[in-house]
Amino acid sequence: MGRRELGHVHGDHLADIAFPMDVRNRLIAEGKAEPHHMLPNSGWITFKFSKESDVESAVELFRLSYEVAVSKKSADISSR
């Protein structure tokens, strides 16, 4: 979204998605994602695909990342 990367997919086995740390921590605590496989202390999460229905969950996480980014962008613009 603009210059911000929302996330990316590695083949058919995992997706990495960016979030602010508070959202990232909540998703991990709820068991919806894991810490990023290479940058575990960052705002990035890793979502592993184990069955076909996991695609829907990954799309929901990408959608959430998009919504958070839009919300942040709107807040940044209104604070100018």
N, C-alpha and C. Protein backbone atom coordinates (compact mmCIF):
# COMPACT_ATOMS: atom_id res chain seq x y z
N MET A 1 0.86 -1.15 0.00
CA MET A 1 0.00 0.00 0.00
C MET A 1 0.91 1.22 0.00
N GLY A 2 1.01 1.86 -1.13
CA GLY A 2 1.98 2.94 -1.25
C GLY A 2 3.37 2.37 -1.10
N ARG A 3 4.12 2.89 -0.18
CA ARG A 3 5.48 2.37 0.07
C ARG A 3 5.50 1.30 1.16
N ARG A 4 4.36 1.05 1.78
CA ARG A 4 4.30 0.09 2.88
C ARG A 4 3.96 -1.31 2.36
N GLU A 5 4.76 -2.27 2.74
CA GLU A 5 4.46 -3.67 2.40
C GLU A 5 3.55 -4.24 3.47
N LEU A 6 2.43 -4.77 3.05
CA LEU A 6 1.50 -5.39 3.99
C LEU A 6 1.95 -6.80 4.35
N GLY A 7 2.57 -7.48 3.40
CA GLY A 7 3.03 -8.83 3.64
C GLY A 7 3.37 -9.51 2.33
N HIS A 8 3.76 -10.76 2.44
CA HIS A 8 4.11 -11.55 1.25
C HIS A 8 3.96 -13.03 1.57
N VAL A 9 3.89 -13.83 0.52
CA VAL A 9 3.71 -15.27 0.64
C VAL A 9 4.96 -15.97 0.15
N HIS A 10 5.37 -17.00 0.88
CA HIS A 10 6.49 -17.85 0.47
C HIS A 10 5.91 -19.16 -0.04
N GLY A 11 5.90 -19.31 -1.36
CA GLY A 11 5.37 -20.54 -1.95
C GLY A 11 3.97 -20.83 -1.48
N ASP A 12 3.72 -22.08 -1.15
CA ASP A 12 2.39 -22.47 -0.67
C ASP A 12 2.43 -22.91 0.78
N HIS A 13 3.46 -22.44 1.52
CA HIS A 13 3.58 -22.93 2.89
C HIS A 13 3.53 -21.88 3.99
N LEU A 14 3.80 -20.59 3.67
CA LEU A 14 3.68 -19.59 4.73
C LEU A 14 3.53 -18.18 4.18
N ALA A 15 2.97 -17.33 5.02
CA ALA A 15 2.81 -15.91 4.70
C ALA A 15 3.43 -15.11 5.84
N ASP A 16 4.10 -14.03 5.50
CA ASP A 16 4.64 -13.08 6.47
C ASP A 16 3.84 -11.80 6.32
N ILE A 17 3.34 -11.28 7.43
CA ILE A 17 2.44 -10.12 7.39
C ILE A 17 2.87 -9.14 8.47
N ALA A 18 2.86 -7.84 8.11
CA ALA A 18 3.31 -6.79 9.03
C ALA A 18 2.15 -6.22 9.84
N PHE A 19 2.43 -5.97 11.11
CA PHE A 19 1.47 -5.36 12.03
C PHE A 19 2.20 -4.48 13.03
N PRO A 20 1.50 -3.53 13.64
CA PRO A 20 2.08 -2.84 14.80
C PRO A 20 2.27 -3.88 15.91
N MET A 21 3.20 -3.64 16.83
CA MET A 21 3.52 -4.64 17.85
C MET A 21 2.32 -5.04 18.71
N ASP A 22 1.43 -4.11 19.03
CA ASP A 22 0.30 -4.49 19.88
C ASP A 22 -0.62 -5.47 19.17
N VAL A 23 -0.84 -5.26 17.89
CA VAL A 23 -1.69 -6.18 17.11
C VAL A 23 -0.96 -7.51 16.95
N ARG A 24 0.32 -7.45 16.62
CA ARG A 24 1.14 -8.66 16.46
C ARG A 24 1.09 -9.51 17.73
N ASN A 25 1.27 -8.87 18.89
CA ASN A 25 1.27 -9.60 20.16
C ASN A 25 -0.08 -10.24 20.43
N ARG A 26 -1.16 -9.54 20.11
CA ARG A 26 -2.51 -10.09 20.31
C ARG A 26 -2.75 -11.30 19.42
N LEU A 27 -2.35 -11.21 18.15
CA LEU A 27 -2.54 -12.33 17.22
C LEU A 27 -1.77 -13.57 17.68
N ILE A 28 -0.56 -13.36 18.18
CA ILE A 28 0.23 -14.49 18.68
C ILE A 28 -0.41 -15.07 19.93
N ALA A 29 -0.83 -14.20 20.85
CA ALA A 29 -1.46 -14.66 22.09
C ALA A 29 -2.74 -15.45 21.81
N GLU A 30 -3.47 -15.04 20.77
CA GLU A 30 -4.72 -15.73 20.39
C GLU A 30 -4.47 -16.99 19.57
N GLY A 31 -3.21 -17.27 19.24
CA GLY A 31 -2.88 -18.46 18.46
C GLY A 31 -3.20 -18.35 16.99
N LYS A 32 -3.40 -17.12 16.50
CA LYS A 32 -3.73 -16.92 15.09
C LYS A 32 -2.50 -16.79 14.21
N ALA A 33 -1.33 -16.65 14.83
CA ALA A 33 -0.09 -16.50 14.08
C ALA A 33 1.08 -16.85 14.99
N GLU A 34 2.25 -16.90 14.38
CA GLU A 34 3.48 -17.14 15.11
C GLU A 34 4.40 -15.94 14.93
N PRO A 35 5.37 -15.77 15.84
CA PRO A 35 6.36 -14.72 15.59
C PRO A 35 7.03 -14.97 14.24
N HIS A 36 7.48 -13.91 13.60
CA HIS A 36 8.13 -14.03 12.29
C HIS A 36 9.27 -15.03 12.37
N HIS A 37 9.39 -15.87 11.37
CA HIS A 37 10.38 -16.96 11.37
C HIS A 37 11.82 -16.47 11.33
N MET A 38 12.08 -15.25 10.85
CA MET A 38 13.45 -14.72 10.80
C MET A 38 13.64 -13.52 11.73
N LEU A 39 12.57 -12.77 11.98
CA LEU A 39 12.62 -11.55 12.80
C LEU A 39 11.60 -11.66 13.93
N PRO A 40 11.83 -12.56 14.89
CA PRO A 40 10.81 -12.86 15.90
C PRO A 40 10.46 -11.70 16.82
N ASN A 41 11.30 -10.70 16.92
CA ASN A 41 11.03 -9.57 17.81
C ASN A 41 10.50 -8.35 17.08
N SER A 42 10.13 -8.52 15.81
CA SER A 42 9.60 -7.42 15.01
C SER A 42 8.07 -7.46 15.04
N GLY A 43 7.45 -6.53 14.35
CA GLY A 43 6.01 -6.51 14.23
C GLY A 43 5.47 -7.51 13.21
N TRP A 44 6.37 -8.17 12.51
CA TRP A 44 5.96 -9.15 11.50
C TRP A 44 5.52 -10.45 12.16
N ILE A 45 4.53 -11.09 11.55
CA ILE A 45 4.10 -12.43 11.99
C ILE A 45 4.31 -13.41 10.84
N THR A 46 4.36 -14.67 11.18
CA THR A 46 4.38 -15.74 10.18
C THR A 46 3.12 -16.57 10.38
N PHE A 47 2.45 -16.84 9.27
CA PHE A 47 1.27 -17.70 9.28
C PHE A 47 1.59 -18.89 8.39
N LYS A 48 1.52 -20.09 8.97
CA LYS A 48 1.85 -21.31 8.21
C LYS A 48 0.57 -21.96 7.69
N PHE A 49 0.63 -22.36 6.42
CA PHE A 49 -0.48 -23.07 5.79
C PHE A 49 -0.30 -24.56 6.02
N SER A 50 -1.30 -25.20 6.62
CA SER A 50 -1.22 -26.65 6.80
C SER A 50 -2.37 -27.37 6.10
N LYS A 51 -3.43 -26.62 5.81
CA LYS A 51 -4.58 -27.20 5.09
C LYS A 51 -5.18 -26.12 4.20
N GLU A 52 -5.95 -26.53 3.23
CA GLU A 52 -6.49 -25.60 2.24
C GLU A 52 -7.33 -24.48 2.88
N SER A 53 -8.05 -24.81 3.93
CA SER A 53 -8.89 -23.79 4.57
C SER A 53 -8.07 -22.69 5.27
N ASP A 54 -6.77 -22.91 5.45
CA ASP A 54 -5.91 -21.89 6.04
C ASP A 54 -5.78 -20.66 5.14
N VAL A 55 -6.08 -20.82 3.86
CA VAL A 55 -6.01 -19.68 2.94
C VAL A 55 -6.97 -18.59 3.40
N GLU A 56 -8.16 -18.97 3.81
CA GLU A 56 -9.14 -17.98 4.30
C GLU A 56 -8.60 -17.22 5.51
N SER A 57 -7.96 -17.92 6.41
CA SER A 57 -7.39 -17.27 7.60
C SER A 57 -6.28 -16.31 7.21
N ALA A 58 -5.46 -16.69 6.25
CA ALA A 58 -4.39 -15.82 5.79
C ALA A 58 -4.96 -14.57 5.13
N VAL A 59 -6.00 -14.73 4.33
CA VAL A 59 -6.64 -13.57 3.69
C VAL A 59 -7.19 -12.63 4.77
N GLU A 60 -7.77 -13.17 5.83
CA GLU A 60 -8.28 -12.34 6.92
C GLU A 60 -7.15 -11.55 7.57
N LEU A 61 -5.99 -12.19 7.74
CA LEU A 61 -4.84 -11.50 8.34
C LEU A 61 -4.32 -10.40 7.42
N PHE A 62 -4.26 -10.68 6.11
CA PHE A 62 -3.85 -9.63 5.16
C PHE A 62 -4.86 -8.48 5.18
N ARG A 63 -6.14 -8.80 5.27
CA ARG A 63 -7.18 -7.76 5.32
C ARG A 63 -7.00 -6.91 6.58
N LEU A 64 -6.73 -7.55 7.71
CA LEU A 64 -6.50 -6.82 8.95
C LEU A 64 -5.28 -5.91 8.82
N SER A 65 -4.22 -6.40 8.22
CA SER A 65 -3.02 -5.59 8.01
C SER A 65 -3.35 -4.37 7.16
N TYR A 66 -4.15 -4.57 6.12
CA TYR A 66 -4.58 -3.47 5.26
C TYR A 66 -5.40 -2.45 6.06
N GLU A 67 -6.36 -2.94 6.83
CA GLU A 67 -7.22 -2.04 7.61
C GLU A 67 -6.42 -1.24 8.63
N VAL A 68 -5.46 -1.87 9.27
CA VAL A 68 -4.60 -1.17 10.23
C VAL A 68 -3.78 -0.11 9.51
N ALA A 69 -3.25 -0.45 8.34
CA ALA A 69 -2.45 0.51 7.57
C ALA A 69 -3.29 1.70 7.13
N VAL A 70 -4.51 1.44 6.66
CA VAL A 70 -5.40 2.53 6.23
C VAL A 70 -5.73 3.42 7.43
N SER A 71 -6.02 2.81 8.55
CA SER A 71 -6.35 3.56 9.76
C SER A 71 -5.17 4.43 10.19
N LYS A 72 -3.97 3.87 10.16
CA LYS A 72 -2.77 4.62 10.54
C LYS A 72 -2.52 5.76 9.56
N LYS A 73 -2.70 5.50 8.28
CA LYS A 73 -2.50 6.54 7.28
C LYS A 73 -3.49 7.68 7.49
N SER A 74 -4.75 7.36 7.77
CA SER A 74 -5.77 8.37 8.03
C SER A 74 -5.41 9.19 9.27
N ALA A 75 -4.93 8.53 10.30
CA ALA A 75 -4.55 9.22 11.53
C ALA A 75 -3.36 10.15 11.27
N ASP A 76 -2.40 9.68 10.47
CA ASP A 76 -1.23 10.49 10.15
C ASP A 76 -1.64 11.75 9.37
N ILE A 77 -2.56 11.59 8.43
CA ILE A 77 -3.01 12.72 7.61
C ILE A 77 -3.78 13.73 8.47
N SER A 78 -4.65 13.25 9.35
CA SER A 78 -5.46 14.17 10.15
C SER A 78 -4.64 14.89 11.22
N SER A 79 -3.48 14.37 11.56
CA SER A 79 -2.65 15.03 12.58
C SER A 79 -1.74 16.08 11.99
N ARG A 80 -1.79 16.26 10.69
CA ARG A 80 -0.93 17.27 10.05
C ARG A 80 -1.46 18.65 10.23
